[in-house]
């Protein structure tokens, strides 16, 4: 499995990301990002929607991630 970054809509306030449980190092680094927040019901993390944060998430995953359209995150369990 790999992290999934959900590409936010322009008006979205947050960028959501799914990080598999086994990816402890990435998850711990994400926790240290400003504005990081855990959404327990969706099992997703999020950060404030900025271009810098989107790029930071991609760097955090070291090129090993998928990008999916916003709104498809309700399928994750």
PDB file of N, CA and C in Angstrom:
ATOM      1  N   UNK A   1       0.842  -1.191   0.000  1.00  0.00           N
ATOM      2  CA  UNK A   1       0.000   0.000   0.000  1.00  0.00           C
ATOM      3  C   UNK A   1       0.877   1.240   0.000  1.00  0.00           C
ATOM      4  N   UNK A   2       0.292   2.330  -0.453  1.00  0.00           N
ATOM      5  CA  UNK A   2       1.003   3.595  -0.468  1.00  0.00           C
ATOM      6  C   UNK A   2       0.060   4.710  -0.034  1.00  0.00           C
ATOM      7  N   UNK A   3       0.618   5.837   0.412  1.00  0.00           N
ATOM      8  CA  UNK A   3      -0.240   6.953   0.799  1.00  0.00           C
ATOM      9  C   UNK A   3      -1.072   7.439  -0.391  1.00  0.00           C
ATOM     10  N   UNK A   4      -2.245   7.975  -0.079  1.00  0.00           N
ATOM     11  CA  UNK A   4      -3.121   8.552  -1.095  1.00  0.00           C
ATOM     12  C   UNK A   4      -3.371  10.006  -0.707  1.00  0.00           C
ATOM     13  N   UNK A   5      -2.979  10.904  -1.586  1.00  0.00           N
ATOM     14  CA  UNK A   5      -3.246  12.329  -1.380  1.00  0.00           C
ATOM     15  C   UNK A   5      -4.484  12.669  -2.204  1.00  0.00           C
ATOM     16  N   UNK A   6      -5.489  13.219  -1.543  1.00  0.00           N
ATOM     17  CA  UNK A   6      -6.728  13.570  -2.235  1.00  0.00           C
ATOM     18  C   UNK A   6      -6.623  15.011  -2.723  1.00  0.00           C
ATOM     19  N   UNK A   7      -6.574  15.164  -4.045  1.00  0.00           N
ATOM     20  CA  UNK A   7      -6.445  16.483  -4.654  1.00  0.00           C
ATOM     21  C   UNK A   7      -7.662  17.324  -4.280  1.00  0.00           C
ATOM     22  N   UNK A   8      -7.440  18.421  -3.555  1.00  0.00           N
ATOM     23  CA  UNK A   8      -8.590  19.201  -3.077  1.00  0.00           C
ATOM     24  C   UNK A   8      -9.224  20.042  -4.167  1.00  0.00           C
ATOM     25  N   UNK A   9     -10.498  20.317  -4.002  1.00  0.00           N
ATOM     26  CA  UNK A   9     -11.181  21.282  -4.854  1.00  0.00           C
ATOM     27  C   UNK A   9     -10.642  22.664  -4.510  1.00  0.00           C
ATOM     28  N   UNK A  10     -10.747  23.608  -5.428  1.00  0.00           N
ATOM     29  CA  UNK A  10     -10.209  24.959  -5.206  1.00  0.00           C
ATOM     30  C   UNK A  10     -10.746  25.586  -3.919  1.00  0.00           C
ATOM     31  N   UNK A  11     -12.034  25.378  -3.643  1.00  0.00           N
ATOM     32  CA  UNK A  11     -12.647  26.012  -2.477  1.00  0.00           C
ATOM     33  C   UNK A  11     -12.473  25.213  -1.184  1.00  0.00           C
ATOM     34  N   UNK A  12     -11.852  24.039  -1.270  1.00  0.00           N
ATOM     35  CA  UNK A  12     -11.663  23.204  -0.076  1.00  0.00           C
ATOM     36  C   UNK A  12     -10.682  23.870   0.886  1.00  0.00           C
ATOM     37  N   UNK A  13     -10.959  23.738   2.171  1.00  0.00           N
ATOM     38  CA  UNK A  13     -10.103  24.350   3.178  1.00  0.00           C
ATOM     39  C   UNK A  13      -8.949  23.445   3.592  1.00  0.00           C
ATOM     40  N   UNK A  14      -9.084  22.117   3.330  1.00  0.00           N
ATOM     41  CA  UNK A  14      -8.064  21.187   3.781  1.00  0.00           C
ATOM     42  C   UNK A  14      -7.716  20.179   2.686  1.00  0.00           C
ATOM     43  N   UNK A  15      -6.496  19.664   2.758  1.00  0.00           N
ATOM     44  CA  UNK A  15      -6.037  18.584   1.886  1.00  0.00           C
ATOM     45  C   UNK A  15      -6.066  17.324   2.736  1.00  0.00           C
ATOM     46  N   UNK A  16      -6.723  16.292   2.257  1.00  0.00           N
ATOM     47  CA  UNK A  16      -6.797  15.043   3.023  1.00  0.00           C
ATOM     48  C   UNK A  16      -5.830  14.015   2.445  1.00  0.00           C
ATOM     49  N   UNK A  17      -5.314  13.187   3.343  1.00  0.00           N
ATOM     50  CA  UNK A  17      -4.353  12.164   2.941  1.00  0.00           C
ATOM     51  C   UNK A  17      -4.572  10.901   3.765  1.00  0.00           C
ATOM     52  N   UNK A  18      -4.548   9.771   3.063  1.00  0.00           N
ATOM     53  CA  UNK A  18      -4.633   8.468   3.718  1.00  0.00           C
ATOM     54  C   UNK A  18      -3.214   7.917   3.823  1.00  0.00           C
ATOM     55  N   UNK A  19      -2.823   7.525   5.019  1.00  0.00           N
ATOM     56  CA  UNK A  19      -1.506   6.921   5.232  1.00  0.00           C
ATOM     57  C   UNK A  19      -1.717   5.533   5.815  1.00  0.00           C
ATOM     58  N   UNK A  20      -1.265   4.486   5.115  1.00  0.00           N
ATOM     59  CA  UNK A  20      -1.416   3.132   5.650  1.00  0.00           C
ATOM     60  C   UNK A  20      -0.781   3.023   7.044  1.00  0.00           C
ATOM     61  N   UNK A  21      -1.383   2.228   7.886  1.00  0.00           N
ATOM     62  CA  UNK A  21      -0.956   2.082   9.273  1.00  0.00           C
ATOM     63  C   UNK A  21       0.524   1.708   9.389  1.00  0.00           C
ATOM     64  N   UNK A  22       1.004   0.891   8.459  1.00  0.00           N
ATOM     65  CA  UNK A  22       2.379   0.401   8.525  1.00  0.00           C
ATOM     66  C   UNK A  22       3.417   1.498   8.271  1.00  0.00           C
ATOM     67  N   UNK A  23       3.013   2.616   7.702  1.00  0.00           N
ATOM     68  CA  UNK A  23       3.945   3.687   7.330  1.00  0.00           C
ATOM     69  C   UNK A  23       4.127   4.668   8.488  1.00  0.00           C
ATOM     70  N   UNK A  24       4.739   4.165   9.542  1.00  0.00           N
ATOM     71  CA  UNK A  24       4.878   4.915  10.789  1.00  0.00           C
ATOM     72  C   UNK A  24       5.726   6.177  10.609  1.00  0.00           C
ATOM     73  N   UNK A  25       6.824   6.083   9.882  1.00  0.00           N
ATOM     74  CA  UNK A  25       7.727   7.227   9.726  1.00  0.00           C
ATOM     75  C   UNK A  25       7.013   8.388   9.022  1.00  0.00           C
ATOM     76  N   UNK A  26       6.285   8.082   7.966  1.00  0.00           N
ATOM     77  CA  UNK A  26       5.555   9.134   7.242  1.00  0.00           C
ATOM     78  C   UNK A  26       4.467   9.723   8.132  1.00  0.00           C
ATOM     79  N   UNK A  27       3.759   8.862   8.837  1.00  0.00           N
ATOM     80  CA  UNK A  27       2.680   9.338   9.716  1.00  0.00           C
ATOM     81  C   UNK A  27       3.231  10.255  10.809  1.00  0.00           C
ATOM     82  N   UNK A  28       4.351   9.873  11.422  1.00  0.00           N
ATOM     83  CA  UNK A  28       4.936  10.690  12.480  1.00  0.00           C
ATOM     84  C   UNK A  28       5.414  12.036  11.939  1.00  0.00           C
ATOM     85  N   UNK A  29       5.965  12.054  10.730  1.00  0.00           N
ATOM     86  CA  UNK A  29       6.391  13.315  10.110  1.00  0.00           C
ATOM     87  C   UNK A  29       5.182  14.196   9.806  1.00  0.00           C
ATOM     88  N   UNK A  30       4.093  13.597   9.348  1.00  0.00           N
ATOM     89  CA  UNK A  30       2.876  14.355   9.056  1.00  0.00           C
ATOM     90  C   UNK A  30       2.321  14.983  10.328  1.00  0.00           C
ATOM     91  N   UNK A  31       2.379  14.260  11.429  1.00  0.00           N
ATOM     92  CA  UNK A  31       1.888  14.797  12.702  1.00  0.00           C
ATOM     93  C   UNK A  31       2.601  16.083  13.095  1.00  0.00           C
ATOM     94  N   UNK A  32       3.848  16.231  12.657  1.00  0.00           N
ATOM     95  CA  UNK A  32       4.641  17.406  13.007  1.00  0.00           C
ATOM     96  C   UNK A  32       4.362  18.599  12.097  1.00  0.00           C
ATOM     97  N   UNK A  33       3.646  18.365  11.000  1.00  0.00           N
ATOM     98  CA  UNK A  33       3.310  19.476  10.098  1.00  0.00           C
ATOM     99  C   UNK A  33       2.316  20.416  10.770  1.00  0.00           C
ATOM    100  N   UNK A  34       2.495  21.697  10.499  1.00  0.00           N
ATOM    101  CA  UNK A  34       1.563  22.689  11.005  1.00  0.00           C
ATOM    102  C   UNK A  34       0.159  22.386  10.495  1.00  0.00           C
ATOM    103  N   UNK A  35      -0.813  22.467  11.315  1.00  0.00           N
ATOM    104  CA  UNK A  35      -2.232  22.295  10.992  1.00  0.00           C
ATOM    105  C   UNK A  35      -2.653  20.850  10.736  1.00  0.00           C
ATOM    106  N   UNK A  36      -1.777  19.862  10.993  1.00  0.00           N
ATOM    107  CA  UNK A  36      -2.188  18.473  10.756  1.00  0.00           C
ATOM    108  C   UNK A  36      -3.315  18.088  11.710  1.00  0.00           C
ATOM    109  N   UNK A  37      -4.237  17.288  11.205  1.00  0.00           N
ATOM    110  CA  UNK A  37      -5.410  16.892  11.992  1.00  0.00           C
ATOM    111  C   UNK A  37      -5.839  15.495  11.570  1.00  0.00           C
ATOM    112  N   UNK A  38      -6.188  14.651  12.535  1.00  0.00           N
ATOM    113  CA  UNK A  38      -6.655  13.286  12.300  1.00  0.00           C
ATOM    114  C   UNK A  38      -8.178  13.272  12.280  1.00  0.00           C
ATOM    115  N   UNK A  39      -8.761  12.679  11.234  1.00  0.00           N
ATOM    116  CA  UNK A  39     -10.214  12.530  11.104  1.00  0.00           C
ATOM    117  C   UNK A  39     -10.535  11.055  11.374  1.00  0.00           C
ATOM    118  N   UNK A  40     -10.885  10.699  12.601  1.00  0.00           N
ATOM    119  CA  UNK A  40     -11.035   9.280  12.962  1.00  0.00           C
ATOM    120  C   UNK A  40     -12.132   8.544  12.198  1.00  0.00           C
ATOM    121  N   UNK A  41     -13.217   9.195  11.865  1.00  0.00           N
ATOM    122  CA  UNK A  41     -14.307   8.496  11.175  1.00  0.00           C
ATOM    123  C   UNK A  41     -13.964   8.191   9.720  1.00  0.00           C
ATOM    124  N   UNK A  42     -13.160   9.051   9.112  1.00  0.00           N
ATOM    125  CA  UNK A  42     -12.731   8.832   7.725  1.00  0.00           C
ATOM    126  C   UNK A  42     -11.402   8.091   7.659  1.00  0.00           C
ATOM    127  N   UNK A  43     -10.711   8.033   8.792  1.00  0.00           N
ATOM    128  CA  UNK A  43      -9.369   7.430   8.875  1.00  0.00           C
ATOM    129  C   UNK A  43      -8.400   8.136   7.924  1.00  0.00           C
ATOM    130  N   UNK A  44      -8.468   9.473   7.952  1.00  0.00           N
ATOM    131  CA  UNK A  44      -7.636  10.312   7.097  1.00  0.00           C
ATOM    132  C   UNK A  44      -6.991  11.410   7.926  1.00  0.00           C
ATOM    133  N   UNK A  45      -5.831  11.861   7.475  1.00  0.00           N
ATOM    134  CA  UNK A  45      -5.189  13.041   8.017  1.00  0.00           C
ATOM    135  C   UNK A  45      -5.507  14.208   7.091  1.00  0.00           C
ATOM    136  N   UNK A  46      -5.358  15.431   7.593  1.00  0.00           N
ATOM    137  CA  UNK A  46      -5.508  16.597   6.721  1.00  0.00           C
ATOM    138  C   UNK A  46      -4.592  17.715   7.194  1.00  0.00           C
ATOM    139  N   UNK A  47      -4.306  18.613   6.256  1.00  0.00           N
ATOM    140  CA  UNK A  47      -3.576  19.851   6.532  1.00  0.00           C
ATOM    141  C   UNK A  47      -4.300  20.968   5.782  1.00  0.00           C
ATOM    142  N   UNK A  48      -4.008  22.205   6.152  1.00  0.00           N
ATOM    143  CA  UNK A  48      -4.635  23.344   5.481  1.00  0.00           C
ATOM    144  C   UNK A  48      -4.270  23.313   3.995  1.00  0.00           C
ATOM    145  N   UNK A  49      -5.244  23.656   3.156  1.00  0.00           N
ATOM    146  CA  UNK A  49      -5.086  23.609   1.704  1.00  0.00           C
ATOM    147  C   UNK A  49      -4.281  24.808   1.188  1.00  0.00           C
ATOM    148  N   UNK A  50      -2.974  24.569   1.029  1.00  0.00           N
ATOM    149  CA  UNK A  50      -2.110  25.550   0.372  1.00  0.00           C
ATOM    150  C   UNK A  50      -1.243  24.792  -0.631  1.00  0.00           C
ATOM    151  N   UNK A  51      -0.731  25.515  -1.621  1.00  0.00           N
ATOM    152  CA  UNK A  51       0.170  24.884  -2.595  1.00  0.00           C
ATOM    153  C   UNK A  51       1.411  24.330  -1.892  1.00  0.00           C
ATOM    154  N   UNK A  52       1.928  25.082  -0.914  1.00  0.00           N
ATOM    155  CA  UNK A  52       3.112  24.630  -0.180  1.00  0.00           C
ATOM    156  C   UNK A  52       2.844  23.331   0.569  1.00  0.00           C
ATOM    157  N   UNK A  53       1.695  23.236   1.216  1.00  0.00           N
ATOM    158  CA  UNK A  53       1.366  22.003   1.943  1.00  0.00           C
ATOM    159  C   UNK A  53       1.190  20.825   0.990  1.00  0.00           C
ATOM    160  N   UNK A  54       0.599  21.069  -0.174  1.00  0.00           N
ATOM    161  CA  UNK A  54       0.421  19.991  -1.155  1.00  0.00           C
ATOM    162  C   UNK A  54       1.782  19.464  -1.598  1.00  0.00           C
ATOM    163  N   UNK A  55       2.712  20.381  -1.872  1.00  0.00           N
ATOM    164  CA  UNK A  55       4.066  19.978  -2.269  1.00  0.00           C
ATOM    165  C   UNK A  55       4.786  19.286  -1.115  1.00  0.00           C
ATOM    166  N   UNK A  56       4.590  19.770   0.099  1.00  0.00           N
ATOM    167  CA  UNK A  56       5.218  19.145   1.276  1.00  0.00           C
ATOM    168  C   UNK A  56       4.737  17.718   1.464  1.00  0.00           C
ATOM    169  N   UNK A  57       3.451  17.472   1.234  1.00  0.00           N
ATOM    170  CA  UNK A  57       2.918  16.112   1.363  1.00  0.00           C
ATOM    171  C   UNK A  57       3.559  15.182   0.341  1.00  0.00           C
ATOM    172  N   UNK A  58       3.732  15.674  -0.884  1.00  0.00           N
ATOM    173  CA  UNK A  58       4.354  14.845  -1.920  1.00  0.00           C
ATOM    174  C   UNK A  58       5.808  14.526  -1.557  1.00  0.00           C
ATOM    175  N   UNK A  59       6.536  15.507  -1.037  1.00  0.00           N
ATOM    176  CA  UNK A  59       7.922  15.284  -0.625  1.00  0.00           C
ATOM    177  C   UNK A  59       7.998  14.325   0.556  1.00  0.00           C
ATOM    178  N   UNK A  60       7.059  14.465   1.474  1.00  0.00           N
ATOM    179  CA  UNK A  60       7.017  13.612   2.655  1.00  0.00           C
ATOM    180  C   UNK A  60       6.911  12.134   2.278  1.00  0.00           C
ATOM    181  N   UNK A  61       6.222  11.864   1.184  1.00  0.00           N
ATOM    182  CA  UNK A  61       6.004  10.479   0.730  1.00  0.00           C
ATOM    183  C   UNK A  61       7.119   9.974  -0.188  1.00  0.00           C
ATOM    184  N   UNK A  62       8.129  10.796  -0.435  1.00  0.00           N
ATOM    185  CA  UNK A  62       9.301  10.405  -1.241  1.00  0.00           C
ATOM    186  C   UNK A  62       8.919   9.839  -2.604  1.00  0.00           C
ATOM    187  N   UNK A  63       7.908  10.410  -3.242  1.00  0.00           N
ATOM    188  CA  UNK A  63       7.510   9.962  -4.572  1.00  0.00           C
ATOM    189  C   UNK A  63       6.677   8.695  -4.592  1.00  0.00           C
ATOM    190  N   UNK A  64       6.437   8.097  -3.435  1.00  0.00           N
ATOM    191  CA  UNK A  64       5.654   6.860  -3.346  1.00  0.00           C
ATOM    192  C   UNK A  64       4.251   7.191  -2.837  1.00  0.00           C
ATOM    193  N   UNK A  65       3.394   7.696  -3.727  1.00  0.00           N
ATOM    194  CA  UNK A  65       2.026   8.067  -3.359  1.00  0.00           C
ATOM    195  C   UNK A  65       1.144   8.023  -4.596  1.00  0.00           C
ATOM    196  N   UNK A  66      -0.164   8.036  -4.349  1.00  0.00           N
ATOM    197  CA  UNK A  66      -1.147   8.169  -5.425  1.00  0.00           C
ATOM    198  C   UNK A  66      -1.906   9.456  -5.162  1.00  0.00           C
ATOM    199  N   UNK A  67      -2.362  10.087  -6.232  1.00  0.00           N
ATOM    200  CA  UNK A  67      -3.235  11.256  -6.100  1.00  0.00           C
ATOM    201  C   UNK A  67      -4.595  10.862  -6.651  1.00  0.00           C
ATOM    202  N   UNK A  68      -5.625  11.090  -5.848  1.00  0.00           N
ATOM    203  CA  UNK A  68      -7.000  10.809  -6.275  1.00  0.00           C
ATOM    204  C   UNK A  68      -7.822  12.071  -6.140  1.00  0.00           C
ATOM    205  N   UNK A  69      -8.912  12.111  -6.862  1.00  0.00           N
ATOM    206  CA  UNK A  69      -9.802  13.263  -6.814  1.00  0.00           C
ATOM    207  C   UNK A  69     -10.475  13.368  -5.448  1.00  0.00           C
ATOM    208  N   UNK A  70     -10.689  14.601  -5.016  1.00  0.00           N
ATOM    209  CA  UNK A  70     -11.377  14.845  -3.751  1.00  0.00           C
ATOM    210  C   UNK A  70     -12.784  14.249  -3.834  1.00  0.00           C
ATOM    211  N   UNK A  71     -13.271  13.802  -2.716  1.00  0.00           N
ATOM    212  CA  UNK A  71     -14.595  13.202  -2.675  1.00  0.00           C
ATOM    213  C   UNK A  71     -14.577  11.692  -2.760  1.00  0.00           C
ATOM    214  N   UNK A  72     -13.473  11.121  -3.239  1.00  0.00           N
ATOM    215  CA  UNK A  72     -13.392   9.657  -3.328  1.00  0.00           C
ATOM    216  C   UNK A  72     -12.882   9.048  -2.030  1.00  0.00           C
ATOM    217  N   UNK A  73     -12.594   9.881  -1.019  1.00  0.00           N
ATOM    218  CA  UNK A  73     -12.034   9.369   0.225  1.00  0.00           C
ATOM    219  C   UNK A  73     -13.045   8.631   1.083  1.00  0.00           C
ATOM    220  N   UNK A  74     -14.305   8.726   0.768  1.00  0.00           N
ATOM    221  CA  UNK A  74     -15.294   8.023   1.581  1.00  0.00           C
ATOM    222  C   UNK A  74     -15.232   6.514   1.383  1.00  0.00           C
ATOM    223  N   UNK A  75     -14.464   6.066   0.376  1.00  0.00           N
ATOM    224  CA  UNK A  75     -14.376   4.649   0.119  1.00  0.00           C
ATOM    225  C   UNK A  75     -13.342   3.951   1.008  1.00  0.00           C
ATOM    226  N   UNK A  76     -12.470   4.748   1.643  1.00  0.00           N
ATOM    227  CA  UNK A  76     -11.374   4.148   2.417  1.00  0.00           C
ATOM    228  C   UNK A  76     -11.872   3.612   3.755  1.00  0.00           C
ATOM    229  N   UNK A  77     -11.362   2.431   4.112  1.00  0.00           N
ATOM    230  CA  UNK A  77     -11.724   1.853   5.403  1.00  0.00           C
ATOM    231  C   UNK A  77     -10.490   1.490   6.183  1.00  0.00           C
TER     232      UNK A  77
END
